[in-house]
N, C-alpha and C. Protein backbone atom coordinates (compact mmCIF):
# COMPACT_ATOMS: atom_id res chain seq x y z
N MET A 1 0.89 -0.90 0.01
CA MET A 1 0.08 -0.03 -0.17
C MET A 1 0.55 1.21 -0.09
N ALA A 2 2.16 1.20 0.77
CA ALA A 2 3.02 2.19 0.84
C ALA A 2 3.46 2.46 -0.42
N SER A 3 3.73 1.62 -1.15
CA SER A 3 4.06 2.03 -2.71
C SER A 3 2.96 2.53 -3.61
N GLU A 4 1.94 2.74 -3.18
CA GLU A 4 1.18 3.09 -4.42
C GLU A 4 0.72 4.89 -3.85
N TRP A 5 1.21 5.12 -2.48
CA TRP A 5 1.04 6.38 -1.89
C TRP A 5 2.01 7.34 -2.78
N ASN A 6 1.42 8.33 -3.60
CA ASN A 6 2.14 9.13 -4.25
C ASN A 6 1.97 10.89 -3.80
N ASP A 7 1.47 11.23 -2.58
CA ASP A 7 1.29 12.23 -1.99
C ASP A 7 2.83 12.72 -1.35
N LYS A 8 3.16 13.75 -1.56
CA LYS A 8 4.52 14.00 -0.89
C LYS A 8 4.65 14.17 0.59
N ARG A 9 3.12 14.40 0.76
CA ARG A 9 2.97 14.60 2.19
C ARG A 9 3.49 12.83 3.25
N PRO A 10 3.47 13.03 4.49
CA PRO A 10 3.33 12.25 5.29
C PRO A 10 2.07 11.48 5.47
N MET A 11 2.16 10.10 5.41
CA MET A 11 0.86 9.42 5.84
C MET A 11 0.34 9.32 7.30
N SER A 12 1.07 10.02 8.29
CA SER A 12 0.90 10.19 9.63
C SER A 12 1.53 11.32 9.86
N PRO A 13 0.99 12.49 9.86
CA PRO A 13 1.99 13.61 10.11
C PRO A 13 1.83 14.17 11.37
N HIS A 14 0.98 13.52 12.32
CA HIS A 14 0.76 13.25 13.64
C HIS A 14 1.94 13.22 14.36
N LEU A 15 2.56 12.10 13.69
CA LEU A 15 4.10 11.23 14.59
C LEU A 15 5.25 12.51 14.30
N GLN A 16 5.08 13.13 13.34
CA GLN A 16 6.37 14.13 13.23
C GLN A 16 6.09 15.02 13.75
N ILE A 17 4.72 15.83 14.10
CA ILE A 17 4.81 17.16 14.90
C ILE A 17 4.40 16.93 16.15
N TRP A 18 3.74 16.22 16.70
CA TRP A 18 3.20 15.58 18.02
C TRP A 18 3.98 15.60 19.06
N ARG A 19 3.91 16.79 20.23
CA ARG A 19 5.24 16.53 21.03
C ARG A 19 4.51 15.81 22.43
N TRP A 20 5.20 15.01 22.98
CA TRP A 20 4.79 14.46 24.18
C TRP A 20 4.67 15.68 25.38
N HIS A 21 3.55 15.68 26.38
CA HIS A 21 3.63 16.55 27.41
C HIS A 21 2.81 15.90 28.27
N PRO A 22 2.90 16.32 29.57
CA PRO A 22 1.93 15.70 30.60
C PRO A 22 0.65 15.47 30.47
N ALA A 23 -0.27 16.79 29.96
CA ALA A 23 -1.61 15.91 29.86
C ALA A 23 -1.63 15.06 28.98
N MET A 24 -0.89 14.58 28.01
CA MET A 24 -1.25 13.39 27.28
C MET A 24 -0.58 12.26 28.25
N MET A 25 0.01 12.51 29.06
CA MET A 25 0.57 11.44 29.70
C MET A 25 -0.75 10.75 30.95
N SER A 26 -1.15 12.06 31.16
CA SER A 26 -2.31 11.68 32.16
C SER A 26 -3.84 11.24 31.52
N SER A 27 -3.71 11.63 30.53
CA SER A 27 -4.82 10.76 29.96
C SER A 27 -4.60 9.52 29.53
N ILE A 28 -3.49 9.21 28.90
CA ILE A 28 -3.41 7.67 28.70
C ILE A 28 -2.99 7.12 30.32
N LEU A 29 -2.67 7.60 31.19
CA LEU A 29 -3.00 6.62 32.71
C LEU A 29 -4.28 6.86 32.94
N HIS A 30 -5.22 7.54 32.47
CA HIS A 30 -6.44 7.60 33.19
C HIS A 30 -7.33 6.32 32.43
N ARG A 31 -6.83 6.05 31.39
CA ARG A 31 -7.56 5.13 30.72
C ARG A 31 -6.59 3.83 31.37
N ALA A 32 -5.26 3.63 31.46
CA ALA A 32 -4.92 2.45 32.15
C ALA A 32 -5.55 2.37 33.29
N ALA A 33 -5.82 3.37 34.17
CA ALA A 33 -6.55 3.03 35.39
C ALA A 33 -7.79 2.59 35.78
N SER A 34 -8.50 3.35 34.56
CA SER A 34 -9.84 2.83 34.31
C SER A 34 -9.58 1.24 33.88
N ILE A 35 -9.16 0.67 33.45
CA ILE A 35 -8.54 -0.78 33.19
C ILE A 35 -8.60 -1.58 34.29
N ILE A 36 -7.10 -1.03 35.23
CA ILE A 36 -7.07 -1.66 36.35
C ILE A 36 -8.14 -1.56 37.31
N SER A 37 -8.96 -0.77 37.59
CA SER A 37 -10.38 -0.43 38.45
C SER A 37 -11.27 -1.40 38.14
N TYR A 38 -11.40 -1.43 36.74
CA TYR A 38 -12.71 -2.87 36.71
C TYR A 38 -11.91 -3.99 36.80
N ALA A 39 -10.58 -4.33 36.15
CA ALA A 39 -10.39 -5.56 36.55
C ALA A 39 -10.11 -5.60 38.45
N GLY A 40 -9.73 -4.84 38.96
CA GLY A 40 -9.77 -4.99 40.60
C GLY A 40 -11.01 -5.28 40.92
N LEU A 41 -12.21 -4.69 40.43
CA LEU A 41 -13.13 -4.70 41.03
C LEU A 41 -13.94 -5.80 40.60
N ILE A 42 -14.10 -6.73 39.62
CA ILE A 42 -14.14 -7.90 39.46
C ILE A 42 -13.42 -8.92 40.09
N LYS A 43 -12.28 -8.99 40.59
CA LYS A 43 -11.28 -9.86 41.48
C LYS A 43 -12.12 -9.54 42.59
N VAL A 44 -12.52 -8.20 43.59
CA VAL A 44 -12.82 -8.48 45.07
C VAL A 44 -14.28 -8.90 44.88
N ALA A 45 -14.76 -8.39 43.96
CA ALA A 45 -16.26 -9.06 43.54
C ALA A 45 -16.15 -10.81 43.31
N ILE A 46 -15.50 -11.57 42.67
CA ILE A 46 -15.27 -12.97 42.68
C ILE A 46 -14.81 -13.61 44.12
N GLY A 47 -13.62 -12.50 44.62
CA GLY A 47 -13.41 -13.02 46.05
C GLY A 47 -14.48 -12.78 47.02
N LEU A 48 -15.01 -11.91 47.09
CA LEU A 48 -16.71 -11.59 48.04
C LEU A 48 -17.64 -12.68 47.74
N LEU A 49 -17.59 -13.43 46.85
CA LEU A 49 -18.64 -14.42 46.18
C LEU A 49 -18.13 -15.70 47.03
N VAL A 50 -16.63 -15.80 46.85
CA VAL A 50 -16.35 -17.29 47.18
C VAL A 50 -16.22 -17.20 48.62
N LEU A 51 -15.70 -15.86 49.18
CA LEU A 51 -16.02 -15.67 50.65
C LEU A 51 -17.48 -15.70 51.43
N ALA A 52 -18.13 -15.76 50.56
CA ALA A 52 -19.82 -15.77 51.05
C ALA A 52 -20.25 -17.27 50.93
N LEU A 53 -19.41 -17.87 49.64
CA LEU A 53 -19.83 -19.28 49.86
C LEU A 53 -19.46 -20.50 50.40
N THR A 54 -17.79 -20.13 50.86
CA THR A 54 -17.07 -21.34 51.28
C THR A 54 -16.42 -20.43 53.03
N GLY A 55 -16.31 -19.70 52.98
CA GLY A 55 -16.31 -18.78 54.42
C GLY A 55 -14.78 -18.48 54.52
N SER A 56 -13.88 -19.18 53.50
CA SER A 56 -12.59 -18.36 53.22
C SER A 56 -12.24 -17.41 52.26
N LEU A 57 -11.37 -16.69 52.39
CA LEU A 57 -10.91 -15.78 51.26
C LEU A 57 -9.90 -16.81 50.32
N PRO A 58 -10.26 -16.88 48.94
CA PRO A 58 -9.29 -17.24 48.11
C PRO A 58 -7.66 -17.11 47.68
N LEU A 59 -7.01 -17.63 47.60
CA LEU A 59 -5.63 -17.36 47.42
C LEU A 59 -5.25 -16.34 48.88
N GLU A 60 -5.51 -16.67 50.18
CA GLU A 60 -5.48 -15.77 51.39
C GLU A 60 -3.85 -15.60 51.49
N GLY A 61 -3.02 -16.29 51.26
CA GLY A 61 -1.41 -16.17 51.36
C GLY A 61 -0.93 -15.53 50.43
N LEU A 62 -1.48 -15.63 49.59
CA LEU A 62 -1.03 -14.32 48.44
C LEU A 62 -1.37 -13.02 48.32
N ILE A 63 -2.80 -13.10 48.82
CA ILE A 63 -3.46 -11.86 49.31
C ILE A 63 -2.61 -11.05 50.08
N PHE A 64 -1.90 -11.56 51.19
CA PHE A 64 -1.16 -11.07 52.48
C PHE A 64 0.03 -11.19 52.40
N SER A 65 0.71 -11.47 51.36
CA SER A 65 1.89 -11.13 51.14
C SER A 65 2.72 -9.95 50.30
N PRO A 66 4.04 -9.66 50.40
CA PRO A 66 4.29 -8.50 49.67
C PRO A 66 3.68 -8.62 47.99
N LEU A 67 3.56 -9.51 47.55
CA LEU A 67 2.68 -9.36 45.90
C LEU A 67 1.15 -9.24 46.10
N GLY A 68 0.77 -9.41 47.22
CA GLY A 68 -0.84 -8.56 47.73
C GLY A 68 -0.39 -7.50 47.67
N ALA A 69 0.69 -6.78 48.50
CA ALA A 69 0.63 -5.30 48.86
C ALA A 69 0.92 -4.85 47.53
N ILE A 70 1.90 -5.23 46.72
CA ILE A 70 2.23 -4.41 45.39
C ILE A 70 0.95 -4.35 44.57
N GLY A 71 -0.07 -5.17 44.44
CA GLY A 71 -1.23 -5.61 43.93
C GLY A 71 -2.36 -4.54 44.38
N LEU A 72 -2.04 -4.42 45.74
CA LEU A 72 -3.26 -3.39 46.67
C LEU A 72 -2.66 -2.07 46.48
N PHE A 73 -1.25 -1.73 45.72
CA PHE A 73 -0.76 -0.38 45.91
C PHE A 73 -1.23 -0.04 44.32
N ILE A 74 -1.24 -0.86 43.49
CA ILE A 74 -1.45 -0.54 42.15
C ILE A 74 -3.05 -0.45 42.06
N PHE A 75 -4.15 -0.99 42.80
CA PHE A 75 -5.38 -0.78 42.78
C PHE A 75 -5.57 0.69 43.19
N LEU A 76 -4.91 0.94 44.43
CA LEU A 76 -5.39 1.87 45.34
C LEU A 76 -4.84 3.19 44.51
N TRP A 77 -3.35 3.06 43.69
CA TRP A 77 -3.19 4.25 42.58
C TRP A 77 -4.41 4.46 41.81
N ALA A 78 -4.56 3.49 40.86
CA ALA A 78 -5.98 3.53 40.04
C ALA A 78 -7.15 4.14 40.78
N PHE A 79 -7.53 3.79 41.60
CA PHE A 79 -8.63 4.54 42.26
C PHE A 79 -8.46 6.31 42.47
N ILE A 80 -7.34 6.30 43.22
CA ILE A 80 -7.15 7.74 43.62
C ILE A 80 -7.06 8.61 42.13
N PHE A 81 -5.98 8.09 41.38
CA PHE A 81 -5.78 8.62 40.00
C PHE A 81 -6.77 8.84 39.34
N MET A 82 -8.18 8.07 39.25
CA MET A 82 -9.30 8.44 38.58
C MET A 82 -9.81 9.18 39.49
N ALA A 83 -10.19 9.52 40.56
CA ALA A 83 -10.53 10.58 41.22
C ALA A 83 -10.04 11.86 41.25
N LEU A 84 -8.40 12.03 41.48
CA LEU A 84 -7.95 13.03 40.99
C LEU A 84 -8.37 13.89 39.31
N ALA A 85 -8.27 12.82 38.44
CA ALA A 85 -8.64 13.01 37.28
C ALA A 85 -9.99 13.73 36.78
N GLN A 86 -11.10 13.06 37.92
CA GLN A 86 -12.31 13.78 37.62
C GLN A 86 -12.42 15.02 38.59
N LEU A 87 -11.78 15.28 39.48
CA LEU A 87 -11.34 16.52 40.12
C LEU A 87 -10.61 17.66 39.02
N ARG A 88 -10.06 17.16 38.31
CA ARG A 88 -9.27 17.96 37.22
C ARG A 88 -10.43 18.37 36.15
N HIS A 89 -11.08 17.30 35.70
CA HIS A 89 -11.90 17.55 35.02
C HIS A 89 -13.20 18.75 35.41
N ALA A 90 -13.56 18.63 36.80
CA ALA A 90 -14.43 19.42 37.32
C ALA A 90 -13.55 20.75 37.45
N ILE A 91 -12.70 21.01 36.98
CA ILE A 91 -11.66 22.36 37.33
C ILE A 91 -11.89 22.65 36.17
N TRP A 92 -11.81 22.05 35.01
CA TRP A 92 -11.73 22.27 33.61
C TRP A 92 -12.97 23.21 33.22
N ASP A 93 -13.99 22.11 33.93
CA ASP A 93 -15.24 22.74 33.52
C ASP A 93 -15.85 24.03 33.96
N ARG A 94 -15.10 24.47 34.93
CA ARG A 94 -15.21 25.88 35.39
C ARG A 94 -14.62 26.88 34.50
N GLY A 95 -13.63 26.33 33.67
CA GLY A 95 -12.91 27.17 32.84
C GLY A 95 -11.47 27.30 33.25
N ALA A 96 -11.03 27.07 34.49
CA ALA A 96 -9.79 26.83 34.79
C ALA A 96 -8.84 26.17 34.65
N TYR A 97 -7.52 26.97 34.62
CA TYR A 97 -6.01 25.71 34.12
C TYR A 97 -6.12 25.32 32.96
N MET A 98 -6.69 25.98 32.16
CA MET A 98 -7.06 25.63 30.57
C MET A 98 -5.54 26.00 29.76
N ASP A 99 -4.81 26.79 30.41
CA ASP A 99 -3.37 27.15 29.77
C ASP A 99 -2.50 26.08 29.82
N PRO A 100 -1.59 25.93 28.89
CA PRO A 100 -0.43 24.64 28.69
C PRO A 100 -0.23 24.29 30.21
N ASP A 101 0.75 25.59 30.50
CA ASP A 101 1.89 25.61 31.53
C ASP A 101 0.92 24.99 32.42
N LYS A 102 -0.05 25.62 33.01
CA LYS A 102 -0.90 25.55 33.77
C LYS A 102 -1.36 24.14 34.12
N ASN A 103 -2.13 23.62 33.00
CA ASN A 103 -2.72 22.16 32.61
C ASN A 103 -1.60 21.06 32.75
N ASN A 104 -0.31 21.40 32.22
CA ASN A 104 0.98 20.28 32.37
C ASN A 104 1.60 20.51 34.00
N ALA A 105 1.25 21.42 34.62
CA ALA A 105 1.63 21.59 36.16
C ALA A 105 0.42 20.63 37.05
N LEU A 106 -0.80 20.66 36.49
CA LEU A 106 -2.05 20.27 37.24
C LEU A 106 -1.89 18.83 36.77
N SER A 107 -1.34 18.00 35.86
CA SER A 107 -1.09 16.88 35.66
C SER A 107 -0.16 16.20 36.01
N TYR A 108 1.11 16.66 36.13
CA TYR A 108 2.32 16.21 37.23
C TYR A 108 1.81 16.34 38.90
N VAL A 109 1.13 17.01 39.71
CA VAL A 109 0.34 16.85 40.35
C VAL A 109 -0.38 16.02 40.59
N MET A 110 -1.26 15.68 39.64
CA MET A 110 -2.21 14.72 39.85
C MET A 110 -1.59 13.04 39.88
N ILE A 111 -0.25 13.36 38.91
CA ILE A 111 0.22 11.80 38.95
C ILE A 111 0.82 11.72 40.28
N PHE A 112 1.99 12.60 40.82
CA PHE A 112 2.39 12.31 41.83
C PHE A 112 1.36 12.39 43.16
N ALA A 113 0.84 12.78 43.13
CA ALA A 113 -0.02 12.81 44.31
C ALA A 113 -1.30 11.81 44.22
N SER A 114 -1.36 10.96 43.22
CA SER A 114 -1.68 10.10 43.36
C SER A 114 -0.83 8.72 43.48
N ILE A 115 0.30 8.62 43.29
CA ILE A 115 1.24 7.53 43.97
C ILE A 115 1.51 8.14 45.07
N ILE A 116 1.61 8.91 45.68
CA ILE A 116 1.95 9.09 47.07
C ILE A 116 1.24 8.94 48.14
N LEU A 117 -0.26 9.00 47.85
CA LEU A 117 -1.63 8.80 48.41
C LEU A 117 -1.60 7.31 48.49
N ALA A 118 -1.62 6.85 47.54
CA ALA A 118 -1.91 4.93 47.18
C ALA A 118 -0.51 4.59 48.42
N ALA A 119 0.74 5.11 48.34
CA ALA A 119 1.90 4.35 48.90
C ALA A 119 1.39 4.80 50.52
N ILE A 120 0.80 5.78 50.61
CA ILE A 120 0.46 6.16 52.32
C ILE A 120 -0.70 5.03 52.56
N GLY A 121 -1.50 4.86 51.79
CA GLY A 121 -2.70 3.72 51.69
C GLY A 121 -2.41 2.56 52.04
N THR A 122 -1.38 2.07 51.03
CA THR A 122 -0.79 0.76 51.44
C THR A 122 -0.15 0.40 52.64
N PHE A 123 0.61 1.33 52.90
CA PHE A 123 1.11 1.15 54.04
C PHE A 123 0.20 1.36 55.30
N ILE A 124 -0.86 1.88 55.33
CA ILE A 124 -1.68 1.94 56.22
C ILE A 124 -1.99 0.25 56.06
N ALA A 125 -3.10 -0.20 55.25
CA ALA A 125 -3.58 -1.40 55.05
C ALA A 125 -2.71 -2.18 55.66
N THR A 126 -1.60 -2.29 54.87
CA THR A 126 -0.78 -3.39 55.34
C THR A 126 -0.13 -3.67 56.50
N GLY A 127 0.17 -2.56 57.41
CA GLY A 127 0.60 -2.24 58.91
C GLY A 127 1.60 -2.23 58.82
N ALA A 128 2.46 -1.46 57.95
CA ALA A 128 3.73 -1.15 57.89
C ALA A 128 4.00 -0.03 58.36
N VAL A 129 3.00 0.67 58.79
CA VAL A 129 3.17 1.93 59.50
C VAL A 129 2.99 2.05 60.96
């Protein structure tokens, strides 16, 4: 197909002119956080169903292991990040922080705040603090 292309312009010009920026990264992370949240909620629902039917947690040893703490951190990060993304959208709906510099700063704050809050939540939930 590319051999039949006779236009001098590139087939995908956005790949040459688009620059990476924090707002784009936060948009991509928001999509990833949505997928993680759905997967995590499905696992929690299945775990609660098994707990109700059998009286014990499935894979209890894995849940309370360091690997389970990592999973909890990722799950908490996804939920916190999505909440902060919705807060950012509410700010945008008021017309604030639409300037690219302020928007990028808000994206950085959202990313770092979600990581820090998820770490704090994981340490509290696992009893490490």
